[in-house]
C-alpha atoms as a PDB file:
ATOM      1  CA  MET A   1       0.000   0.000   0.000  1.00  0.00           C
ATOM      2  CA  TYR A   2       1.109   3.578  -0.560  1.00  0.00           C
ATOM      3  CA  ILE A   3       1.288   4.163   3.189  1.00  0.00           C
ATOM      4  CA  ASP A   4       4.384   1.922   3.097  1.00  0.00           C
ATOM      5  CA  TYR A   5       6.247   4.512   1.002  1.00  0.00           C
ATOM      6  CA  VAL A   6       6.118   7.451   3.401  1.00  0.00           C
ATOM      7  CA  LYS A   7       9.130   9.781   3.177  1.00  0.00           C
ATOM      8  CA  ASN A   8       9.597  13.449   4.011  1.00  0.00           C
ATOM      9  CA  VAL A   9      11.698  15.755   1.853  1.00  0.00           C
ATOM     10  CA  TYR A  10       9.958  19.090   2.357  1.00  0.00           C
ATOM     11  CA  GLY A  11       6.451  17.918   3.227  1.00  0.00           C
ATOM     12  CA  THR A  12       4.971  16.206   6.271  1.00  0.00           C
ATOM     13  CA  ASN A  13       3.096  12.947   6.912  1.00  0.00           C
ATOM     14  CA  GLY A  14       5.423  11.178   4.472  1.00  0.00           C
ATOM     15  CA  ASP A  15       3.641  12.793   1.524  1.00  0.00           C
ATOM     16  CA  ASP A  16       6.783  13.221  -0.591  1.00  0.00           C
ATOM     17  CA  GLY A  17       7.457   9.505  -0.752  1.00  0.00           C
ATOM     18  CA  ILE A  18       3.814   8.641  -1.403  1.00  0.00           C
ATOM     19  CA  ILE A  19       3.624  11.122  -4.272  1.00  0.00           C
ATOM     20  CA  GLU A  20       6.822   9.747  -5.801  1.00  0.00           C
ATOM     21  CA  LYS A  21       5.441   6.196  -5.739  1.00  0.00           C
ATOM     22  CA  ILE A  22       2.022   7.164  -7.124  1.00  0.00           C
ATOM     23  CA  PHE A  23       3.670   9.115  -9.944  1.00  0.00           C
ATOM     24  CA  GLU A  24       5.916   6.157 -10.718  1.00  0.00           C
ATOM     25  CA  ASP A  25       3.003   3.717 -10.827  1.00  0.00           C
ATOM     26  CA  VAL A  26       0.682   5.777 -13.022  1.00  0.00           C
ATOM     27  CA  GLY A  27       3.384   7.283 -15.242  1.00  0.00           C
ATOM     28  CA  ILE A  28       3.488  10.953 -14.236  1.00  0.00           C
ATOM     29  CA  ASP A  29       6.937  12.384 -14.981  1.00  0.00           C
ATOM     30  CA  SER A  30       6.173  16.046 -15.699  1.00  0.00           C
ATOM     31  CA  GLY A  31       3.494  18.682 -15.358  1.00  0.00           C
ATOM     32  CA  ILE A  32       2.074  21.433 -13.188  1.00  0.00           C
ATOM     33  CA  VAL A  33       1.760  20.977  -9.437  1.00  0.00           C
ATOM     34  CA  CYS A  34      -0.402  23.356  -7.427  1.00  0.00           C
ATOM     35  CA  GLU A  35      -0.434  23.894  -3.658  1.00  0.00           C
ATOM     36  CA  PHE A  36      -3.041  25.822  -1.687  1.00  0.00           C
ATOM     37  CA  GLY A  37      -1.573  26.754   1.687  1.00  0.00           C
ATOM     38  CA  ALA A  38       2.077  26.587   0.621  1.00  0.00           C
ATOM     39  CA  TRP A  39       3.501  28.507   3.620  1.00  0.00           C
ATOM     40  CA  ASP A  40       6.840  30.078   2.648  1.00  0.00           C
ATOM     41  CA  GLY A  41       7.482  27.669  -0.207  1.00  0.00           C
ATOM     42  CA  LEU A  42      10.019  25.784   1.905  1.00  0.00           C
ATOM     43  CA  TYR A  43       8.626  24.706   5.278  1.00  0.00           C
ATOM     44  CA  ILE A  44       6.142  21.802   4.876  1.00  0.00           C
ATOM     45  CA  CYS A  45       5.769  22.658   1.180  1.00  0.00           C
ATOM     46  CA  VAL A  46       4.658  19.341  -0.316  1.00  0.00           C
ATOM     47  CA  THR A  47       5.232  20.265  -3.964  1.00  0.00           C
ATOM     48  CA  ARG A  48       8.731  21.719  -3.602  1.00  0.00           C
ATOM     49  CA  ASN A  49      10.399  18.334  -4.037  1.00  0.00           C
ATOM     50  CA  LEU A  50       8.946  18.273  -7.556  1.00  0.00           C
ATOM     51  CA  TRP A  51       9.447  21.816  -8.879  1.00  0.00           C
ATOM     52  CA  GLU A  52      12.901  22.136  -7.309  1.00  0.00           C
ATOM     53  CA  ASN A  53      14.461  18.672  -7.375  1.00  0.00           C
ATOM     54  CA  ARG A  54      12.788  17.508 -10.591  1.00  0.00           C
ATOM     55  CA  ALA A  55      12.951  20.740 -12.565  1.00  0.00           C
ATOM     56  CA  PRO A  56      12.430  21.511 -15.398  1.00  0.00           C
ATOM     57  CA  ASN A  57       9.919  18.662 -15.662  1.00  0.00           C
ATOM     58  CA  PHE A  58       7.600  20.172 -13.050  1.00  0.00           C
ATOM     59  CA  GLN A  59       6.327  23.721 -12.603  1.00  0.00           C
ATOM     60  CA  GLY A  60       4.767  25.007  -9.388  1.00  0.00           C
ATOM     61  CA  VAL A  61       1.706  27.119  -8.651  1.00  0.00           C
ATOM     62  CA  LEU A  62       1.797  28.241  -5.014  1.00  0.00           C
ATOM     63  CA  ILE A  63      -1.010  30.014  -3.147  1.00  0.00           C
ATOM     64  CA  GLU A  64      -0.579  31.505   0.317  1.00  0.00           C
ATOM     65  CA  TYR A  65      -2.877  33.929   2.142  1.00  0.00           C
ATOM     66  CA  ASP A  66      -0.580  35.025   4.977  1.00  0.00           C
ATOM     67  CA  GLN A  67       1.502  38.031   3.893  1.00  0.00           C
ATOM     68  CA  GLN A  68       4.572  37.198   5.977  1.00  0.00           C
ATOM     69  CA  LYS A  69       4.667  33.629   4.717  1.00  0.00           C
ATOM     70  CA  PHE A  70       4.155  34.852   1.159  1.00  0.00           C
ATOM     71  CA  ASN A  71       7.085  37.270   1.482  1.00  0.00           C
ATOM     72  CA  GLY A  72       9.226  34.336   2.548  1.00  0.00           C
ATOM     73  CA  MET A  73       7.933  32.358  -0.418  1.00  0.00           C
ATOM     74  CA  VAL A  74       9.092  35.056  -2.817  1.00  0.00           C
ATOM     75  CA  GLU A  75      12.615  34.807  -1.360  1.00  0.00           C
ATOM     76  CA  ASN A  76      12.637  31.002  -1.193  1.00  0.00           C
ATOM     77  CA  THR A  77      11.612  30.491  -4.813  1.00  0.00           C
ATOM     78  CA  ARG A  78      13.886  32.965  -6.605  1.00  0.00           C
ATOM     79  CA  GLY A  79      15.197  31.509  -9.865  1.00  0.00           C
ATOM     80  CA  LEU A  80      12.727  28.610  -9.824  1.00  0.00           C
ATOM     81  CA  ASP A  81       9.886  27.945 -12.262  1.00  0.00           C
ATOM     82  CA  VAL A  82       6.874  28.829 -10.126  1.00  0.00           C
ATOM     83  CA  ASP A  83       3.833  31.108 -10.210  1.00  0.00           C
ATOM     84  CA  LEU A  84       2.949  32.731  -6.875  1.00  0.00           C
ATOM     85  CA  PHE A  85      -0.393  34.001  -5.563  1.00  0.00           C
ATOM     86  CA  ASN A  86      -0.905  35.970  -2.353  1.00  0.00           C
ATOM     87  CA  CYS A  87      -4.589  35.342  -1.661  1.00  0.00           C
ATOM     88  CA  GLY A  88      -7.031  33.169   0.187  1.00  0.00           C
ATOM     89  CA  VAL A  89      -9.069  30.470  -1.509  1.00  0.00           C
ATOM     90  CA  ALA A  90     -12.831  30.992  -1.517  1.00  0.00           C
ATOM     91  CA  ARG A  91     -15.391  28.224  -1.191  1.00  0.00           C
ATOM     92  CA  ASP A  92     -17.817  29.909  -3.601  1.00  0.00           C
ATOM     93  CA  ALA A  93     -17.197  28.918  -7.237  1.00  0.00           C
ATOM     94  CA  LYS A  94     -18.249  32.419  -8.389  1.00  0.00           C
ATOM     95  CA  ASP A  95     -15.801  34.257  -6.130  1.00  0.00           C
ATOM     96  CA  PRO A  96     -12.778  35.868  -7.875  1.00  0.00           C
ATOM     97  CA  ASN A  97     -10.558  33.782  -5.602  1.00  0.00           C
ATOM     98  CA  SER A  98     -12.281  30.459  -6.157  1.00  0.00           C
ATOM     99  CA  ILE A  99     -10.001  27.586  -7.037  1.00  0.00           C
ATOM    100  CA  ASP A 100     -10.986  27.749 -10.711  1.00  0.00           C
ATOM    101  CA  ASN A 101     -10.595  31.522 -10.984  1.00  0.00           C
ATOM    102  CA  ILE A 102      -7.163  31.519  -9.373  1.00  0.00           C
ATOM    103  CA  LEU A 103      -5.961  28.840 -11.786  1.00  0.00           C
ATOM    104  CA  ASP A 104      -7.440  30.804 -14.681  1.00  0.00           C
ATOM    105  CA  ARG A 105      -4.970  33.596 -13.817  1.00  0.00           C
ATOM    106  CA  CYS A 106      -1.986  31.257 -13.776  1.00  0.00           C
ATOM    107  CA  LYS A 107       0.852  31.995 -16.197  1.00  0.00           C
ATOM    108  CA  TYR A 108       0.844  28.361 -17.321  1.00  0.00           C
ATOM    109  CA  GLU A 109      -1.778  26.821 -19.562  1.00  0.00           C
ATOM    110  CA  ILE A 110      -3.295  24.116 -17.386  1.00  0.00           C
ATOM    111  CA  THR A 111      -4.911  21.116 -19.076  1.00  0.00           C
ATOM    112  CA  PRO A 112      -6.039  17.667 -17.910  1.00  0.00           C
ATOM    113  CA  ASP A 113      -2.908  16.240 -19.552  1.00  0.00           C
ATOM    114  CA  ASN A 114      -0.396  18.441 -17.717  1.00  0.00           C
ATOM    115  CA  PHE A 115      -2.113  19.067 -14.354  1.00  0.00           C
ATOM    116  CA  ALA A 116      -0.182  16.515 -12.316  1.00  0.00           C
ATOM    117  CA  LEU A 117      -1.015  17.337  -8.693  1.00  0.00           C
ATOM    118  CA  MET A 118      -3.114  19.625  -6.524  1.00  0.00           C
ATOM    119  CA  VAL A 119      -2.517  19.954  -2.775  1.00  0.00           C
ATOM    120  CA  ILE A 120      -5.239  21.507  -0.596  1.00  0.00           C
ATOM    121  CA  ASP A 121      -4.139  22.211   2.979  1.00  0.00           C
ATOM    122  CA  ILE A 122      -5.727  25.389   4.305  1.00  0.00           C
ATOM    123  CA  ASP A 123      -6.800  24.177   7.762  1.00  0.00           C
ATOM    124  CA  SER A 124     -10.452  25.086   7.384  1.00  0.00           C
ATOM    125  CA  HIS A 125     -12.814  24.680   4.444  1.00  0.00           C
ATOM    126  CA  ASP A 126     -10.660  22.268   2.411  1.00  0.00           C
ATOM    127  CA  TYR A 127     -13.679  20.098   1.549  1.00  0.00           C
ATOM    128  CA  PHE A 128     -15.681  23.027   0.214  1.00  0.00           C
ATOM    129  CA  VAL A 129     -12.780  24.340  -1.856  1.00  0.00           C
ATOM    130  CA  LEU A 130     -12.535  20.972  -3.565  1.00  0.00           C
ATOM    131  CA  GLU A 131     -16.306  20.837  -3.922  1.00  0.00           C
ATOM    132  CA  SER A 132     -16.291  24.218  -5.715  1.00  0.00           C
ATOM    133  CA  MET A 133     -13.763  23.086  -8.339  1.00  0.00           C
ATOM    134  CA  GLU A 134     -15.600  22.674 -11.642  1.00  0.00           C
ATOM    135  CA  LYS A 135     -13.187  23.467 -14.477  1.00  0.00           C
ATOM    136  CA  TYR A 136      -9.930  21.742 -13.566  1.00  0.00           C
ATOM    137  CA  MET A 137      -9.153  18.051 -13.032  1.00  0.00           C
ATOM    138  CA  PRO A 138      -5.658  17.318 -11.705  1.00  0.00           C
ATOM    139  CA  LYS A 139      -4.449  13.759 -11.996  1.00  0.00           C
ATOM    140  CA  VAL A 140      -3.747  13.465  -8.268  1.00  0.00           C
ATOM    141  CA  ILE A 141      -5.306  15.383  -5.373  1.00  0.00           C
ATOM    142  CA  ASN A 142      -3.781  15.557  -1.900  1.00  0.00           C
ATOM    143  CA  ILE A 143      -6.238  17.049   0.608  1.00  0.00           C
ATOM    144  CA  GLU A 144      -6.133  17.507   4.362  1.00  0.00           C
ATOM    145  CA  VAL A 145      -8.640  15.446   6.357  1.00  0.00           C
ATOM    146  CA  SER A 146      -9.513  15.131  10.037  1.00  0.00           C
ATOM    147  CA  SER A 147      -8.071  11.701  10.701  1.00  0.00           C
ATOM    148  CA  GLY A 148      -9.702  11.186  14.081  1.00  0.00           C
ATOM    149  CA  TYR A 149     -12.969  10.168  12.475  1.00  0.00           C
ATOM    150  CA  ALA A 150     -13.513   6.490  11.705  1.00  0.00           C
ATOM    151  CA  PRO A 151     -14.009   5.382   8.080  1.00  0.00           C
ATOM    152  CA  ASP A 152     -17.783   5.108   8.524  1.00  0.00           C
ATOM    153  CA  GLN A 153     -18.158   8.687   9.802  1.00  0.00           C
ATOM    154  CA  TYR A 154     -19.205  11.509   7.465  1.00  0.00           C
ATOM    155  CA  LEU A 155     -18.113  15.037   8.399  1.00  0.00           C
ATOM    156  CA  ALA A 156     -17.665  18.189   6.308  1.00  0.00           C
ATOM    157  CA  THR A 157     -17.440  21.442   8.287  1.00  0.00           C
ATOM    158  CA  ASP A 158     -15.442  24.661   8.393  1.00  0.00           C
ATOM    159  CA  ASP A 159     -14.396  24.397  12.029  1.00  0.00           C
ATOM    160  CA  ARG A 160     -13.743  20.651  12.428  1.00  0.00           C
ATOM    161  CA  GLY A 161     -12.491  19.840   8.966  1.00  0.00           C
ATOM    162  CA  CYS A 162     -13.656  16.867   6.921  1.00  0.00           C
ATOM    163  CA  SER A 163     -13.548  13.121   7.426  1.00  0.00           C
ATOM    164  CA  LEU A 164     -11.948  10.610   5.094  1.00  0.00           C
ATOM    165  CA  ARG A 165     -15.360   9.276   4.073  1.00  0.00           C
ATOM    166  CA  SER A 166     -16.668  12.705   3.076  1.00  0.00           C
ATOM    167  CA  VAL A 167     -13.616  13.290   0.872  1.00  0.00           C
ATOM    168  CA  MET A 168     -13.917   9.818  -0.665  1.00  0.00           C
ATOM    169  CA  GLU A 169     -17.567  10.378  -1.561  1.00  0.00           C
ATOM    170  CA  LEU A 170     -16.896  13.872  -2.925  1.00  0.00           C
ATOM    171  CA  GLY A 171     -14.036  12.482  -4.988  1.00  0.00           C
ATOM    172  CA  GLU A 172     -16.289   9.790  -6.426  1.00  0.00           C
ATOM    173  CA  LYS A 173     -18.773  12.440  -7.537  1.00  0.00           C
ATOM    174  CA  LYS A 174     -15.982  14.318  -9.284  1.00  0.00           C
ATOM    175  CA  GLY A 175     -14.417  11.302 -10.983  1.00  0.00           C
ATOM    176  CA  TYR A 176     -11.743  10.255  -8.489  1.00  0.00           C
ATOM    177  CA  LYS A 177     -10.817   7.191  -6.449  1.00  0.00           C
ATOM    178  CA  LEU A 178      -9.447   7.281  -2.904  1.00  0.00           C
ATOM    179  CA  ILE A 179      -6.081   5.483  -2.947  1.00  0.00           C
ATOM    180  CA  CYS A 180      -4.263   6.466   0.253  1.00  0.00           C
ATOM    181  CA  HIS A 181      -4.726   7.955   3.713  1.00  0.00           C
ATOM    182  CA  ALA A 182      -1.634   9.183   5.544  1.00  0.00           C
ATOM    183  CA  GLY A 183      -3.037  12.062   7.558  1.00  0.00           C
ATOM    184  CA  ASN A 184      -3.960  13.656   4.251  1.00  0.00           C
ATOM    185  CA  ALA A 185      -6.052  11.825   1.668  1.00  0.00           C
ATOM    186  CA  PHE A 186      -4.903  11.016  -1.854  1.00  0.00           C
ATOM    187  CA  LEU A 187      -7.351  10.836  -4.768  1.00  0.00           C
ATOM    188  CA  LEU A 188      -6.516   9.576  -8.254  1.00  0.00           C
ATOM    189  CA  ARG A 189      -8.444  10.536 -11.386  1.00  0.00           C
ATOM    190  CA  ASN A 190     -10.507   7.648 -12.677  1.00  0.00           C
ATOM    191  CA  ASP A 191      -8.870   7.455 -16.118  1.00  0.00           C
ATOM    192  CA  LEU A 192      -5.598   6.490 -14.385  1.00  0.00           C
ATOM    193  CA  VAL A 193      -6.962   3.942 -11.927  1.00  0.00           C
ATOM    194  CA  ASP A 194      -6.277   0.951 -14.179  1.00  0.00           C
ATOM    195  CA  ARG A 195      -2.531   1.647 -13.786  1.00  0.00           C
ATOM    196  CA  LEU A 196      -2.622   1.034 -10.032  1.00  0.00           C
ATOM    197  CA  PRO A 197      -1.228  -2.073  -8.350  1.00  0.00           C
ATOM    198  CA  ASP A 198      -3.728  -4.795  -7.466  1.00  0.00           C
ATOM    199  CA  TRP A 199      -4.267  -3.655  -3.871  1.00  0.00           C
ATOM    200  CA  ASP A 200      -7.303  -3.349  -1.629  1.00  0.00           C
ATOM    201  CA  PHE A 201      -8.329   0.310  -1.907  1.00  0.00           C
ATOM    202  CA  SER A 202     -11.414   0.039   0.289  1.00  0.00           C
ATOM    203  CA  ILE A 203     -11.734   2.873   2.794  1.00  0.00           C
ATOM    204  CA  GLU A 204     -11.649   0.378   5.655  1.00  0.00           C
ATOM    205  CA  ASN A 205      -8.261  -0.873   4.498  1.00  0.00           C
ATOM    206  CA  LEU A 206      -6.849   2.580   3.697  1.00  0.00           C
ATOM    207  CA  TRP A 207      -7.849   4.382   6.901  1.00  0.00           C
ATOM    208  CA  GLN A 208      -5.061   4.904   9.406  1.00  0.00           C
ATOM    209  CA  SER A 209      -5.967   5.434  13.056  1.00  0.00           C
ATOM    210  CA  PRO A 210      -4.539   8.421  14.964  1.00  0.00           C
ATOM    211  CA  ASP A 211      -2.268   6.047  16.887  1.00  0.00           C
ATOM    212  CA  LYS A 212      -0.945   4.551  13.649  1.00  0.00           C
ATOM    213  CA  LEU A 213      -0.358   8.011  12.172  1.00  0.00           C
ATOM    214  CA  LEU A 214       1.530   9.058  15.303  1.00  0.00           C
ATOM    215  CA  GLU A 215       3.685   5.949  15.012  1.00  0.00           C
ATOM    216  CA  ILE A 216       4.475   6.830  11.389  1.00  0.00           C
ATOM    217  CA  GLU A 217       5.269  10.435  12.342  1.00  0.00           C
ATOM    218  CA  ARG A 218       7.710   9.305  15.021  1.00  0.00           C
ATOM    219  CA  ARG A 219       9.373   6.889  12.619  1.00  0.00           C
ATOM    220  CA  LEU A 220       9.832   9.662  10.068  1.00  0.00           C
ATOM    221  CA  GLU A 221      11.294  11.991  12.696  1.00  0.00           C
ATOM    222  CA  ASN A 222      13.802   9.343  13.701  1.00  0.00           C
ATOM    223  CA  GLY A 223      14.835   8.748  10.106  1.00  0.00           C
END
């Protein structure tokens, strides 16, 4: 399972290693990677391993609301192929700062063929941001979930986050399959699912308990 490939480079929860393995399995070796809640482009920036260490194959689109973090991002990305946005992400699809409208302003032409990865980690209405996305379909989505809720629990709120089940069901509506839970959830676009290994991708098998996630975190910290 992809949880067995956890590794941190710049990200947390072992996301860097999971992304590398998913990309290897489904044949993603280039494209645009977008991160909502990218901090300063260095600290816990999940996509940096791609647009820095695998440049020029990958280009980054980084969105950060906090002005101080954004200023750091400008410094930490000098000379690298990225597009930076200093704004929040709205949950209303008609808002100028909806996920679709921000990507419309990107300097890159984003298509289903080159949109490799989208990371949503804004510590609030992550579920509703994904729900509002109508125009774009990245190949892989990495979205923050509230991991304390069991796989049979449905939760989608602004103040308590969203459960793994709610993200799985939303992904299914949008044409995605849940393929990993490692603190964040990973969704794969349905046209790529037939490239996956023959594993059990049921939510019951994918869900990691808080104790298990803490064990993984400690293992990563200890190298």
